[in-house]
Amino acid sequence: MGENGGMLAVVRLRRGVVGESRRVCHLIPVPAAGQVPDRLTALCGEAIFPGDAEVLDGLRGMPCHRCLMESAPARPGLLANAG
């Protein structure tokens, strides 16, 4: 779940949109029902256009490190040795 309690989707850019090394799994807050924005913004800040991405049913391949760090709960010492 996102910071505000909203749902997060796992997406990655489609083959051919970027090279294989950039096809990482991003976490994106799910827009409100009925809203389809022109672009989505991953937790890491990367702008993703809906037609350029595929929604996954879980993590596959390499996760986006920055998205994972942004989604981690903020507790002292939890990520003390990360990075």
PDB file of N, CA and C in Angstrom:
ATOM      1  N   MET A   1       0.833  -1.188   0.000  1.00  0.00           N
ATOM      2  CA  MET A   1       0.000   0.000   0.000  1.00  0.00           C
ATOM      3  C   MET A   1       0.873   1.244   0.000  1.00  0.00           C
ATOM      4  N   GLY A   2       0.353   2.273  -0.607  1.00  0.00           N
ATOM      5  CA  GLY A   2       1.064   3.537  -0.672  1.00  0.00           C
ATOM      6  C   GLY A   2       1.026   4.265   0.659  1.00  0.00           C
ATOM      7  N   GLU A   3       1.767   5.342   0.727  1.00  0.00           N
ATOM      8  CA  GLU A   3       1.889   6.128   1.947  1.00  0.00           C
ATOM      9  C   GLU A   3       0.539   6.586   2.474  1.00  0.00           C
ATOM     10  N   ASN A   4      -0.370   6.964   1.598  1.00  0.00           N
ATOM     11  CA  ASN A   4      -1.681   7.455   2.024  1.00  0.00           C
ATOM     12  C   ASN A   4      -2.705   6.337   2.138  1.00  0.00           C
ATOM     13  N   GLY A   5      -2.248   5.085   2.081  1.00  0.00           N
ATOM     14  CA  GLY A   5      -3.165   3.957   2.199  1.00  0.00           C
ATOM     15  C   GLY A   5      -3.709   3.494   0.869  1.00  0.00           C
ATOM     16  N   GLY A   6      -3.379   4.197  -0.216  1.00  0.00           N
ATOM     17  CA  GLY A   6      -3.847   3.806  -1.543  1.00  0.00           C
ATOM     18  C   GLY A   6      -3.084   2.596  -2.066  1.00  0.00           C
ATOM     19  N   MET A   7      -3.627   2.006  -3.088  1.00  0.00           N
ATOM     20  CA  MET A   7      -3.008   0.822  -3.679  1.00  0.00           C
ATOM     21  C   MET A   7      -1.840   1.206  -4.579  1.00  0.00           C
ATOM     22  N   LEU A   8      -0.881   0.286  -4.678  1.00  0.00           N
ATOM     23  CA  LEU A   8       0.254   0.447  -5.571  1.00  0.00           C
ATOM     24  C   LEU A   8       0.194  -0.621  -6.649  1.00  0.00           C
ATOM     25  N   ALA A   9       0.533  -0.246  -7.869  1.00  0.00           N
ATOM     26  CA  ALA A   9       0.629  -1.198  -8.975  1.00  0.00           C
ATOM     27  C   ALA A   9       2.107  -1.425  -9.274  1.00  0.00           C
ATOM     28  N   VAL A  10       2.426  -2.636  -9.715  1.00  0.00           N
ATOM     29  CA  VAL A  10       3.779  -2.964 -10.147  1.00  0.00           C
ATOM     30  C   VAL A  10       3.774  -2.923 -11.671  1.00  0.00           C
ATOM     31  N   VAL A  11       4.585  -2.051 -12.249  1.00  0.00           N
ATOM     32  CA  VAL A  11       4.635  -1.912 -13.704  1.00  0.00           C
ATOM     33  C   VAL A  11       6.083  -1.918 -14.176  1.00  0.00           C
ATOM     34  N   ARG A  12       6.270  -2.281 -15.421  1.00  0.00           N
ATOM     35  CA  ARG A  12       7.582  -2.133 -16.054  1.00  0.00           C
ATOM     36  C   ARG A  12       7.361  -1.710 -17.490  1.00  0.00           C
ATOM     37  N   LEU A  13       8.349  -1.047 -18.033  1.00  0.00           N
ATOM     38  CA  LEU A  13       8.265  -0.586 -19.409  1.00  0.00           C
ATOM     39  C   LEU A  13       8.308  -1.786 -20.344  1.00  0.00           C
ATOM     40  N   ARG A  14       7.540  -1.692 -21.426  1.00  0.00           N
ATOM     41  CA  ARG A  14       7.456  -2.790 -22.397  1.00  0.00           C
ATOM     42  C   ARG A  14       8.765  -2.956 -23.159  1.00  0.00           C
ATOM     43  N   ARG A  15       8.952  -4.166 -23.666  1.00  0.00           N
ATOM     44  CA  ARG A  15      10.101  -4.433 -24.545  1.00  0.00           C
ATOM     45  C   ARG A  15      10.052  -3.476 -25.723  1.00  0.00           C
ATOM     46  N   GLY A  16      11.193  -2.942 -26.078  1.00  0.00           N
ATOM     47  CA  GLY A  16      11.280  -2.024 -27.206  1.00  0.00           C
ATOM     48  C   GLY A  16      11.142  -0.565 -26.821  1.00  0.00           C
ATOM     49  N   VAL A  17      10.534  -0.281 -25.669  1.00  0.00           N
ATOM     50  CA  VAL A  17      10.407   1.108 -25.217  1.00  0.00           C
ATOM     51  C   VAL A  17      11.752   1.571 -24.661  1.00  0.00           C
ATOM     52  N   VAL A  18      12.410   0.694 -23.909  1.00  0.00           N
ATOM     53  CA  VAL A  18      13.748   0.942 -23.368  1.00  0.00           C
ATOM     54  C   VAL A  18      14.555  -0.346 -23.514  1.00  0.00           C
ATOM     55  N   GLY A  19      15.839  -0.260 -23.295  1.00  0.00           N
ATOM     56  CA  GLY A  19      16.692  -1.440 -23.327  1.00  0.00           C
ATOM     57  C   GLY A  19      16.384  -2.361 -22.145  1.00  0.00           C
ATOM     58  N   GLU A  20      16.763  -3.616 -22.260  1.00  0.00           N
ATOM     59  CA  GLU A  20      16.455  -4.618 -21.223  1.00  0.00           C
ATOM     60  C   GLU A  20      16.967  -4.220 -19.848  1.00  0.00           C
ATOM     61  N   SER A  21      18.104  -3.559 -19.775  1.00  0.00           N
ATOM     62  CA  SER A  21      18.658  -3.196 -18.464  1.00  0.00           C
ATOM     63  C   SER A  21      17.817  -2.146 -17.739  1.00  0.00           C
ATOM     64  N   ARG A  22      16.936  -1.439 -18.454  1.00  0.00           N
ATOM     65  CA  ARG A  22      16.066  -0.432 -17.831  1.00  0.00           C
ATOM     66  C   ARG A  22      14.654  -0.944 -17.594  1.00  0.00           C
ATOM     67  N   ARG A  23      14.392  -2.205 -17.892  1.00  0.00           N
ATOM     68  CA  ARG A  23      13.050  -2.771 -17.699  1.00  0.00           C
ATOM     69  C   ARG A  23      12.910  -3.290 -16.269  1.00  0.00           C
ATOM     70  N   VAL A  24      12.939  -2.380 -15.323  1.00  0.00           N
ATOM     71  CA  VAL A  24      12.805  -2.742 -13.922  1.00  0.00           C
ATOM     72  C   VAL A  24      11.357  -2.577 -13.486  1.00  0.00           C
ATOM     73  N   CYS A  25      11.002  -3.218 -12.387  1.00  0.00           N
ATOM     74  CA  CYS A  25       9.639  -3.133 -11.838  1.00  0.00           C
ATOM     75  C   CYS A  25       9.518  -1.870 -10.996  1.00  0.00           C
ATOM     76  N   HIS A  26       8.628  -0.986 -11.396  1.00  0.00           N
ATOM     77  CA  HIS A  26       8.371   0.258 -10.657  1.00  0.00           C
ATOM     78  C   HIS A  26       7.083   0.116  -9.854  1.00  0.00           C
ATOM     79  N   LEU A  27       6.999   0.863  -8.768  1.00  0.00           N
ATOM     80  CA  LEU A  27       5.775   0.943  -7.969  1.00  0.00           C
ATOM     81  C   LEU A  27       5.102   2.268  -8.268  1.00  0.00           C
ATOM     82  N   ILE A  28       3.819   2.186  -8.655  1.00  0.00           N
ATOM     83  CA  ILE A  28       3.064   3.374  -9.043  1.00  0.00           C
ATOM     84  C   ILE A  28       1.757   3.425  -8.262  1.00  0.00           C
ATOM     85  N   PRO A  29       1.449   4.565  -7.623  1.00  0.00           N
ATOM     86  CA  PRO A  29       0.148   4.697  -6.972  1.00  0.00           C
ATOM     87  C   PRO A  29      -0.970   4.549  -8.004  1.00  0.00           C
ATOM     88  N   VAL A  30      -1.961   3.734  -7.689  1.00  0.00           N
ATOM     89  CA  VAL A  30      -3.080   3.501  -8.601  1.00  0.00           C
ATOM     90  C   VAL A  30      -3.979   4.741  -8.591  1.00  0.00           C
ATOM     91  N   PRO A  31      -4.266   5.308  -9.773  1.00  0.00           N
ATOM     92  CA  PRO A  31      -5.143   6.488  -9.839  1.00  0.00           C
ATOM     93  C   PRO A  31      -6.551   6.148  -9.348  1.00  0.00           C
ATOM     94  N   ALA A  32      -7.270   7.169  -8.928  1.00  0.00           N
ATOM     95  CA  ALA A  32      -8.662   7.003  -8.485  1.00  0.00           C
ATOM     96  C   ALA A  32      -9.488   6.418  -9.624  1.00  0.00           C
ATOM     97  N   ALA A  33     -10.515   5.684  -9.266  1.00  0.00           N
ATOM     98  CA  ALA A  33     -11.392   5.048 -10.261  1.00  0.00           C
ATOM     99  C   ALA A  33     -11.917   6.087 -11.244  1.00  0.00           C
ATOM    100  N   GLY A  34     -11.860   5.738 -12.525  1.00  0.00           N
ATOM    101  CA  GLY A  34     -12.371   6.618 -13.560  1.00  0.00           C
ATOM    102  C   GLY A  34     -11.368   7.639 -14.058  1.00  0.00           C
ATOM    103  N   GLN A  35     -10.232   7.750 -13.401  1.00  0.00           N
ATOM    104  CA  GLN A  35      -9.215   8.706 -13.826  1.00  0.00           C
ATOM    105  C   GLN A  35      -8.109   7.978 -14.576  1.00  0.00           C
ATOM    106  N   VAL A  36      -7.807   8.433 -15.763  1.00  0.00           N
ATOM    107  CA  VAL A  36      -6.699   7.894 -16.541  1.00  0.00           C
ATOM    108  C   VAL A  36      -5.780   9.065 -16.877  1.00  0.00           C
ATOM    109  N   PRO A  37      -4.727   9.252 -16.096  1.00  0.00           N
ATOM    110  CA  PRO A  37      -3.832  10.387 -16.342  1.00  0.00           C
ATOM    111  C   PRO A  37      -3.015  10.190 -17.619  1.00  0.00           C
ATOM    112  N   ASP A  38      -2.478  11.280 -18.157  1.00  0.00           N
ATOM    113  CA  ASP A  38      -1.631  11.219 -19.346  1.00  0.00           C
ATOM    114  C   ASP A  38      -0.341  10.462 -19.067  1.00  0.00           C
ATOM    115  N   ARG A  39       0.131  10.589 -17.837  1.00  0.00           N
ATOM    116  CA  ARG A  39       1.337   9.865 -17.426  1.00  0.00           C
ATOM    117  C   ARG A  39       1.206   9.481 -15.959  1.00  0.00           C
ATOM    118  N   LEU A  40       1.913   8.432 -15.614  1.00  0.00           N
ATOM    119  CA  LEU A  40       1.943   7.959 -14.238  1.00  0.00           C
ATOM    120  C   LEU A  40       3.317   8.287 -13.668  1.00  0.00           C
ATOM    121  N   THR A  41       3.383   8.505 -12.366  1.00  0.00           N
ATOM    122  CA  THR A  41       4.670   8.801 -11.739  1.00  0.00           C
ATOM    123  C   THR A  41       4.979   7.724 -10.721  1.00  0.00           C
ATOM    124  N   ALA A  42       6.088   7.021 -10.948  1.00  0.00           N
ATOM    125  CA  ALA A  42       6.528   5.976 -10.027  1.00  0.00           C
ATOM    126  C   ALA A  42       7.011   6.617  -8.728  1.00  0.00           C
ATOM    127  N   LEU A  43       7.108   5.816  -7.672  1.00  0.00           N
ATOM    128  CA  LEU A  43       7.575   6.331  -6.395  1.00  0.00           C
ATOM    129  C   LEU A  43       8.983   6.915  -6.491  1.00  0.00           C
ATOM    130  N   CYS A  44       9.768   6.426  -7.454  1.00  0.00           N
ATOM    131  CA  CYS A  44      11.130   6.928  -7.652  1.00  0.00           C
ATOM    132  C   CYS A  44      11.146   8.262  -8.392  1.00  0.00           C
ATOM    133  N   GLY A  45       9.986   8.667  -8.949  1.00  0.00           N
ATOM    134  CA  GLY A  45       9.894   9.922  -9.681  1.00  0.00           C
ATOM    135  C   GLY A  45       9.879   9.764 -11.187  1.00  0.00           C
ATOM    136  N   GLU A  46      10.123   8.549 -11.690  1.00  0.00           N
ATOM    137  CA  GLU A  46      10.127   8.345 -13.142  1.00  0.00           C
ATOM    138  C   GLU A  46       8.717   8.473 -13.713  1.00  0.00           C
ATOM    139  N   ALA A  47       8.600   9.264 -14.780  1.00  0.00           N
ATOM    140  CA  ALA A  47       7.320   9.420 -15.478  1.00  0.00           C
ATOM    141  C   ALA A  47       7.157   8.257 -16.452  1.00  0.00           C
ATOM    142  N   ILE A  48       5.994   7.612 -16.404  1.00  0.00           N
ATOM    143  CA  ILE A  48       5.714   6.470 -17.267  1.00  0.00           C
ATOM    144  C   ILE A  48       4.385   6.723 -17.964  1.00  0.00           C
ATOM    145  N   PHE A  49       4.407   6.623 -19.285  1.00  0.00           N
ATOM    146  CA  PHE A  49       3.188   6.793 -20.058  1.00  0.00           C
ATOM    147  C   PHE A  49       2.456   5.453 -20.111  1.00  0.00           C
ATOM    148  N   PRO A  50       1.147   5.428 -19.817  1.00  0.00           N
ATOM    149  CA  PRO A  50       0.406   4.171 -19.705  1.00  0.00           C
ATOM    150  C   PRO A  50       0.611   3.198 -20.873  1.00  0.00           C
ATOM    151  N   GLY A  51       0.647   3.657 -22.098  1.00  0.00           N
ATOM    152  CA  GLY A  51       0.827   2.762 -23.236  1.00  0.00           C
ATOM    153  C   GLY A  51       2.217   2.170 -23.352  1.00  0.00           C
ATOM    154  N   ASP A  52       3.176   2.731 -22.604  1.00  0.00           N
ATOM    155  CA  ASP A  52       4.554   2.250 -22.649  1.00  0.00           C
ATOM    156  C   ASP A  52       4.843   1.194 -21.598  1.00  0.00           C
ATOM    157  N   ALA A  53       3.877   0.919 -20.718  1.00  0.00           N
ATOM    158  CA  ALA A  53       4.130   0.027 -19.587  1.00  0.00           C
ATOM    159  C   ALA A  53       3.166  -1.142 -19.572  1.00  0.00           C
ATOM    160  N   GLU A  54       3.589  -2.197 -18.885  1.00  0.00           N
ATOM    161  CA  GLU A  54       2.721  -3.350 -18.648  1.00  0.00           C
ATOM    162  C   GLU A  54       2.541  -3.493 -17.141  1.00  0.00           C
ATOM    163  N   VAL A  55       1.308  -3.792 -16.723  1.00  0.00           N
ATOM    164  CA  VAL A  55       1.013  -4.003 -15.307  1.00  0.00           C
ATOM    165  C   VAL A  55       1.307  -5.464 -14.997  1.00  0.00           C
ATOM    166  N   LEU A  56       2.042  -5.692 -13.923  1.00  0.00           N
ATOM    167  CA  LEU A  56       2.417  -7.044 -13.520  1.00  0.00           C
ATOM    168  C   LEU A  56       1.588  -7.492 -12.322  1.00  0.00           C
ATOM    169  N   ASP A  57       1.468  -8.794 -12.140  1.00  0.00           N
ATOM    170  CA  ASP A  57       0.737  -9.304 -10.978  1.00  0.00           C
ATOM    171  C   ASP A  57       1.670  -9.573  -9.804  1.00  0.00           C
ATOM    172  N   GLY A  58       2.903  -9.120  -9.888  1.00  0.00           N
ATOM    173  CA  GLY A  58       3.890  -9.264  -8.824  1.00  0.00           C
ATOM    174  C   GLY A  58       5.252  -8.854  -9.356  1.00  0.00           C
ATOM    175  N   LEU A  59       6.257  -8.897  -8.504  1.00  0.00           N
ATOM    176  CA  LEU A  59       7.603  -8.546  -8.941  1.00  0.00           C
ATOM    177  C   LEU A  59       8.144  -9.629  -9.854  1.00  0.00           C
ATOM    178  N   ARG A  60       8.674  -9.212 -10.966  1.00  0.00           N
ATOM    179  CA  ARG A  60       9.352 -10.111 -11.905  1.00  0.00           C
ATOM    180  C   ARG A  60      10.604  -9.398 -12.354  1.00  0.00           C
ATOM    181  N   GLY A  61      11.696 -10.088 -12.387  1.00  0.00           N
ATOM    182  CA  GLY A  61      12.933  -9.450 -12.805  1.00  0.00           C
ATOM    183  C   GLY A  61      13.444  -8.518 -11.726  1.00  0.00           C
ATOM    184  N   MET A  62      14.129  -7.495 -12.149  1.00  0.00           N
ATOM    185  CA  MET A  62      14.797  -6.581 -11.225  1.00  0.00           C
ATOM    186  C   MET A  62      13.843  -5.486 -10.752  1.00  0.00           C
ATOM    187  N   PRO A  63      13.690  -5.323  -9.421  1.00  0.00           N
ATOM    188  CA  PRO A  63      12.870  -4.211  -8.920  1.00  0.00           C
ATOM    189  C   PRO A  63      13.653  -2.899  -8.997  1.00  0.00           C
ATOM    190  N   CYS A  64      12.947  -1.809  -9.084  1.00  0.00           N
ATOM    191  CA  CYS A  64      13.557  -0.478  -9.023  1.00  0.00           C
ATOM    192  C   CYS A  64      13.961  -0.223  -7.575  1.00  0.00           C
ATOM    193  N   HIS A  65      15.239  -0.057  -7.357  1.00  0.00           N
ATOM    194  CA  HIS A  65      15.753   0.131  -5.997  1.00  0.00           C
ATOM    195  C   HIS A  65      15.131   1.365  -5.331  1.00  0.00           C
ATOM    196  N   ARG A  66      15.058   2.464  -6.066  1.00  0.00           N
ATOM    197  CA  ARG A  66      14.507   3.699  -5.486  1.00  0.00           C
ATOM    198  C   ARG A  66      13.037   3.544  -5.128  1.00  0.00           C
ATOM    199  N   CYS A  67      12.251   2.859  -5.962  1.00  0.00           N
ATOM    200  CA  CYS A  67      10.838   2.630  -5.638  1.00  0.00           C
ATOM    201  C   CYS A  67      10.705   1.814  -4.350  1.00  0.00           C
ATOM    202  N   LEU A  68      11.543   0.776  -4.216  1.00  0.00           N
ATOM    203  CA  LEU A  68      11.494  -0.046  -3.003  1.00  0.00           C
ATOM    204  C   LEU A  68      11.839   0.776  -1.772  1.00  0.00           C
ATOM    205  N   MET A  69      12.860   1.609  -1.881  1.00  0.00           N
ATOM    206  CA  MET A  69      13.270   2.437  -0.737  1.00  0.00           C
ATOM    207  C   MET A  69      12.155   3.417  -0.353  1.00  0.00           C
ATOM    208  N   GLU A  70      11.488   3.988  -1.352  1.00  0.00           N
ATOM    209  CA  GLU A  70      10.407   4.945  -1.078  1.00  0.00           C
ATOM    210  C   GLU A  70       9.186   4.266  -0.468  1.00  0.00           C
ATOM    211  N   SER A  71       8.995   2.982  -0.744  1.00  0.00           N
ATOM    212  CA  SER A  71       7.810   2.286  -0.237  1.00  0.00           C
ATOM    213  C   SER A  71       8.033   1.658   1.138  1.00  0.00           C
ATOM    214  N   ALA A  72       9.273   1.621   1.602  1.00  0.00           N
ATOM    215  CA  ALA A  72       9.572   1.002   2.897  1.00  0.00           C
ATOM    216  C   ALA A  72       9.029   1.856   4.032  1.00  0.00           C
ATOM    217  N   PRO A  73       8.518   1.208   5.084  1.00  0.00           N
ATOM    218  CA  PRO A  73       8.028   1.974   6.235  1.00  0.00           C
ATOM    219  C   PRO A  73       9.173   2.751   6.886  1.00  0.00           C
ATOM    220  N   ALA A  74       8.878   3.947   7.327  1.00  0.00           N
ATOM    221  CA  ALA A  74       9.889   4.788   7.971  1.00  0.00           C
ATOM    222  C   ALA A  74       9.972   4.450   9.455  1.00  0.00           C
ATOM    223  N   ARG A  75      10.899   3.572   9.783  1.00  0.00           N
ATOM    224  CA  ARG A  75      11.142   3.214  11.186  1.00  0.00           C
ATOM    225  C   ARG A  75      12.638   3.323  11.449  1.00  0.00           C
ATOM    226  N   PRO A  76      13.013   3.870  12.583  1.00  0.00           N
ATOM    227  CA  PRO A  76      14.450   3.999  12.896  1.00  0.00           C
ATOM    228  C   PRO A  76      15.149   2.645  12.837  1.00  0.00           C
ATOM    229  N   GLY A  77      16.275   2.613  12.133  1.00  0.00           N
ATOM    230  CA  GLY A  77      17.099   1.423  12.084  1.00  0.00           C
ATOM    231  C   GLY A  77      16.641   0.364  11.099  1.00  0.00           C
ATOM    232  N   LEU A  78      15.436   0.485  10.554  1.00  0.00           N
ATOM    233  CA  LEU A  78      14.911  -0.547   9.656  1.00  0.00           C
ATOM    234  C   LEU A  78      15.795  -0.710   8.438  1.00  0.00           C
ATOM    235  N   LEU A  79      16.227   0.393   7.858  1.00  0.00           N
ATOM    236  CA  LEU A  79      17.054   0.330   6.668  1.00  0.00           C
ATOM    237  C   LEU A  79      18.467   0.886   6.946  1.00  0.00           C
ATOM    238  N   ALA A  80      18.940   0.714   8.145  1.00  0.00           N
ATOM    239  CA  ALA A  80      20.219   1.288   8.542  1.00  0.00           C
ATOM    240  C   ALA A  80      21.364   0.796   7.663  1.00  0.00           C
ATOM    241  N   ASN A  81      21.314  -0.448   7.202  1.00  0.00           N
ATOM    242  CA  ASN A  81      22.419  -0.998   6.417  1.00  0.00           C
ATOM    243  C   ASN A  81      22.091  -1.105   4.938  1.00  0.00           C
ATOM    244  N   ALA A  82      20.962  -0.552   4.520  1.00  0.00           N
ATOM    245  CA  ALA A  82      20.559  -0.645   3.106  1.00  0.00           C
ATOM    246  C   ALA A  82      21.324   0.377   2.283  1.00  0.00           C
ATOM    247  N   GLY A  83      21.493   0.050   1.028  1.00  0.00           N
ATOM    248  CA  GLY A  83      22.055   0.997   0.092  1.00  0.00           C
ATOM    249  C   GLY A  83      23.476   0.811  -0.098  1.00  0.00           C
TER     250      GLY A  83
END
